[in-house]
Amino acid sequence: MLDSTKISGVAFVSVYVDDFKKAFKFYSLILGLEKQFDMGDNACFFKMGSNGLYLQGLNKPVGYTPESMRAGFVLSINSATAMHAELVLNGIKMIQEEPVDMGQG
């Protein structure tokens, strides 16, 4: 493998949603991400440390089950338990009833 083609990390995550305003509220108010800049009326870029999250609206929703295929990403936080409780408190649909220990405590 050439060094020029070796992946060195994740630059940003993209999230495609149907309702941009609702999703923007979730990522900014509930998760606390800070918008870095707008990208039109239905898209923006949030800053996350040295990386970012691109949010784009006006996409068609797909079916959702625990077994359905979907993209996933992991965000660093101080407490998965506290975040899970906050998401449930805000009416966010969760797959698991509680955080899952992935071997990191």
C-alpha atoms as a PDB file:
ATOM      1  CA  MET A   1       0.000   0.000   0.000  1.00  0.00           C
ATOM      2  CA  LEU A   2       1.250   3.455  -0.883  1.00  0.00           C
ATOM      3  CA  ASP A   3       1.563   6.000   1.905  1.00  0.00           C
ATOM      4  CA  SER A   4      -0.395   8.433  -0.256  1.00  0.00           C
ATOM      5  CA  THR A   5      -3.453   6.133  -0.207  1.00  0.00           C
ATOM      6  CA  LYS A   6      -3.320   5.058   3.429  1.00  0.00           C
ATOM      7  CA  ILE A   7      -6.261   6.326   5.516  1.00  0.00           C
ATOM      8  CA  SER A   8      -4.965   8.419   8.396  1.00  0.00           C
ATOM      9  CA  GLY A   9      -8.233   9.117  10.221  1.00  0.00           C
ATOM     10  CA  VAL A  10     -11.797  10.384   9.919  1.00  0.00           C
ATOM     11  CA  ALA A  11     -12.109  13.944   8.600  1.00  0.00           C
ATOM     12  CA  PHE A  12     -15.836  14.303   9.286  1.00  0.00           C
ATOM     13  CA  VAL A  13     -19.090  12.362   9.512  1.00  0.00           C
ATOM     14  CA  SER A  14     -22.076  13.014   7.230  1.00  0.00           C
ATOM     15  CA  VAL A  15     -25.661  12.655   8.449  1.00  0.00           C
ATOM     16  CA  TYR A  16     -28.543  12.777   5.967  1.00  0.00           C
ATOM     17  CA  VAL A  17     -31.980  13.520   7.424  1.00  0.00           C
ATOM     18  CA  ASP A  18     -35.471  14.348   6.217  1.00  0.00           C
ATOM     19  CA  ASP A  19     -36.220  17.187   8.675  1.00  0.00           C
ATOM     20  CA  PHE A  20     -33.203  19.508   8.845  1.00  0.00           C
ATOM     21  CA  LYS A  21     -34.648  21.876  11.477  1.00  0.00           C
ATOM     22  CA  LYS A  22     -35.503  19.004  13.832  1.00  0.00           C
ATOM     23  CA  ALA A  23     -32.094  17.383  13.305  1.00  0.00           C
ATOM     24  CA  PHE A  24     -30.293  20.705  13.760  1.00  0.00           C
ATOM     25  CA  LYS A  25     -32.056  21.163  17.105  1.00  0.00           C
ATOM     26  CA  PHE A  26     -31.015  17.643  18.149  1.00  0.00           C
ATOM     27  CA  TYR A  27     -27.339  18.056  17.250  1.00  0.00           C
ATOM     28  CA  SER A  28     -27.012  21.609  18.553  1.00  0.00           C
ATOM     29  CA  LEU A  29     -29.285  21.753  21.620  1.00  0.00           C
ATOM     30  CA  ILE A  30     -29.348  18.153  22.848  1.00  0.00           C
ATOM     31  CA  LEU A  31     -25.852  16.996  21.832  1.00  0.00           C
ATOM     32  CA  GLY A  32     -24.313  20.445  22.231  1.00  0.00           C
ATOM     33  CA  LEU A  33     -22.440  20.632  18.921  1.00  0.00           C
ATOM     34  CA  GLU A  34     -21.432  24.095  17.740  1.00  0.00           C
ATOM     35  CA  LYS A  35     -22.275  25.050  14.160  1.00  0.00           C
ATOM     36  CA  GLN A  36     -19.166  26.134  12.316  1.00  0.00           C
ATOM     37  CA  PHE A  37     -20.916  27.332   9.156  1.00  0.00           C
ATOM     38  CA  ASP A  38     -24.093  27.046   7.077  1.00  0.00           C
ATOM     39  CA  MET A  39     -24.055  25.162   3.794  1.00  0.00           C
ATOM     40  CA  GLY A  40     -27.294  26.415   2.234  1.00  0.00           C
ATOM     41  CA  ASP A  41     -30.805  26.424   3.687  1.00  0.00           C
ATOM     42  CA  ASN A  42     -30.853  22.717   4.575  1.00  0.00           C
ATOM     43  CA  ALA A  43     -27.279  21.862   5.499  1.00  0.00           C
ATOM     44  CA  CYS A  44     -24.556  22.916   7.906  1.00  0.00           C
ATOM     45  CA  PHE A  45     -21.226  21.833   9.309  1.00  0.00           C
ATOM     46  CA  PHE A  46     -20.669  21.301  13.030  1.00  0.00           C
ATOM     47  CA  LYS A  47     -17.191  21.445  14.553  1.00  0.00           C
ATOM     48  CA  MET A  48     -16.245  18.439  16.718  1.00  0.00           C
ATOM     49  CA  GLY A  49     -12.713  18.833  18.043  1.00  0.00           C
ATOM     50  CA  SER A  50     -10.364  18.514  15.075  1.00  0.00           C
ATOM     51  CA  ASN A  51     -13.119  16.786  13.058  1.00  0.00           C
ATOM     52  CA  GLY A  52     -16.651  17.713  12.079  1.00  0.00           C
ATOM     53  CA  LEU A  53     -20.176  16.602  11.289  1.00  0.00           C
ATOM     54  CA  TYR A  54     -21.955  17.519   8.046  1.00  0.00           C
ATOM     55  CA  LEU A  55     -25.759  17.629   8.408  1.00  0.00           C
ATOM     56  CA  GLN A  56     -27.955  17.652   5.297  1.00  0.00           C
ATOM     57  CA  GLY A  57     -31.760  17.754   5.197  1.00  0.00           C
ATOM     58  CA  LEU A  58     -34.483  17.014   2.639  1.00  0.00           C
ATOM     59  CA  ASN A  59     -33.625  13.312   2.331  1.00  0.00           C
ATOM     60  CA  LYS A  60     -36.205  10.514   2.287  1.00  0.00           C
ATOM     61  CA  PRO A  61     -36.446   8.479   5.514  1.00  0.00           C
ATOM     62  CA  VAL A  62     -35.818   4.733   5.412  1.00  0.00           C
ATOM     63  CA  GLY A  63     -37.239   1.920   7.553  1.00  0.00           C
ATOM     64  CA  TYR A  64     -35.736   1.525  10.997  1.00  0.00           C
ATOM     65  CA  THR A  65     -35.303  -1.704  12.928  1.00  0.00           C
ATOM     66  CA  PRO A  66     -32.447  -2.963  15.117  1.00  0.00           C
ATOM     67  CA  GLU A  67     -31.540  -5.350  12.285  1.00  0.00           C
ATOM     68  CA  SER A  68     -31.643  -2.793   9.447  1.00  0.00           C
ATOM     69  CA  MET A  69     -28.414  -1.688   7.791  1.00  0.00           C
ATOM     70  CA  ARG A  70     -27.322   1.860   8.482  1.00  0.00           C
ATOM     71  CA  ALA A  71     -24.209   3.932   8.902  1.00  0.00           C
ATOM     72  CA  GLY A  72     -22.968   4.414  12.415  1.00  0.00           C
ATOM     73  CA  PHE A  73     -20.496   6.602  14.199  1.00  0.00           C
ATOM     74  CA  VAL A  74     -19.215   6.956  17.737  1.00  0.00           C
ATOM     75  CA  LEU A  75     -18.810  10.275  19.528  1.00  0.00           C
ATOM     76  CA  SER A  76     -16.507  10.801  22.498  1.00  0.00           C
ATOM     77  CA  ILE A  77     -18.332  11.866  25.671  1.00  0.00           C
ATOM     78  CA  ASN A  78     -17.631  11.821  29.389  1.00  0.00           C
ATOM     79  CA  SER A  79     -20.493   9.477  30.323  1.00  0.00           C
ATOM     80  CA  ALA A  80     -22.389   7.129  28.009  1.00  0.00           C
ATOM     81  CA  THR A  81     -24.888   6.498  30.815  1.00  0.00           C
ATOM     82  CA  ALA A  82     -25.615  10.222  31.273  1.00  0.00           C
ATOM     83  CA  MET A  83     -25.901  10.766  27.499  1.00  0.00           C
ATOM     84  CA  HIS A  84     -28.238   7.787  27.121  1.00  0.00           C
ATOM     85  CA  ALA A  85     -30.472   9.161  29.901  1.00  0.00           C
ATOM     86  CA  GLU A  86     -30.482  12.619  28.262  1.00  0.00           C
ATOM     87  CA  LEU A  87     -31.460  11.164  24.886  1.00  0.00           C
ATOM     88  CA  VAL A  88     -34.291   9.104  26.410  1.00  0.00           C
ATOM     89  CA  LEU A  89     -35.471  12.166  28.371  1.00  0.00           C
ATOM     90  CA  ASN A  90     -35.677  14.077  25.083  1.00  0.00           C
ATOM     91  CA  GLY A  91     -37.770  11.373  23.406  1.00  0.00           C
ATOM     92  CA  ILE A  92     -35.033   9.954  21.167  1.00  0.00           C
ATOM     93  CA  LYS A  93     -35.789   6.401  19.963  1.00  0.00           C
ATOM     94  CA  MET A  94     -33.053   4.077  21.209  1.00  0.00           C
ATOM     95  CA  ILE A  95     -32.111   0.582  20.024  1.00  0.00           C
ATOM     96  CA  GLN A  96     -30.771  -0.556  23.400  1.00  0.00           C
ATOM     97  CA  GLU A  97     -32.516   0.043  26.712  1.00  0.00           C
ATOM     98  CA  GLU A  98     -29.177   1.012  28.274  1.00  0.00           C
ATOM     99  CA  PRO A  99     -25.622   1.708  27.083  1.00  0.00           C
ATOM    100  CA  VAL A 100     -23.697  -1.362  25.941  1.00  0.00           C
ATOM    101  CA  ASP A 101     -20.234  -2.007  27.408  1.00  0.00           C
ATOM    102  CA  MET A 102     -17.931  -2.318  24.387  1.00  0.00           C
ATOM    103  CA  GLY A 103     -14.928  -3.334  26.487  1.00  0.00           C
ATOM    104  CA  GLN A 104     -13.868   0.180  27.471  1.00  0.00           C
ATOM    105  CA  GLY A 105     -15.700   0.285  30.818  1.00  0.00           C
END
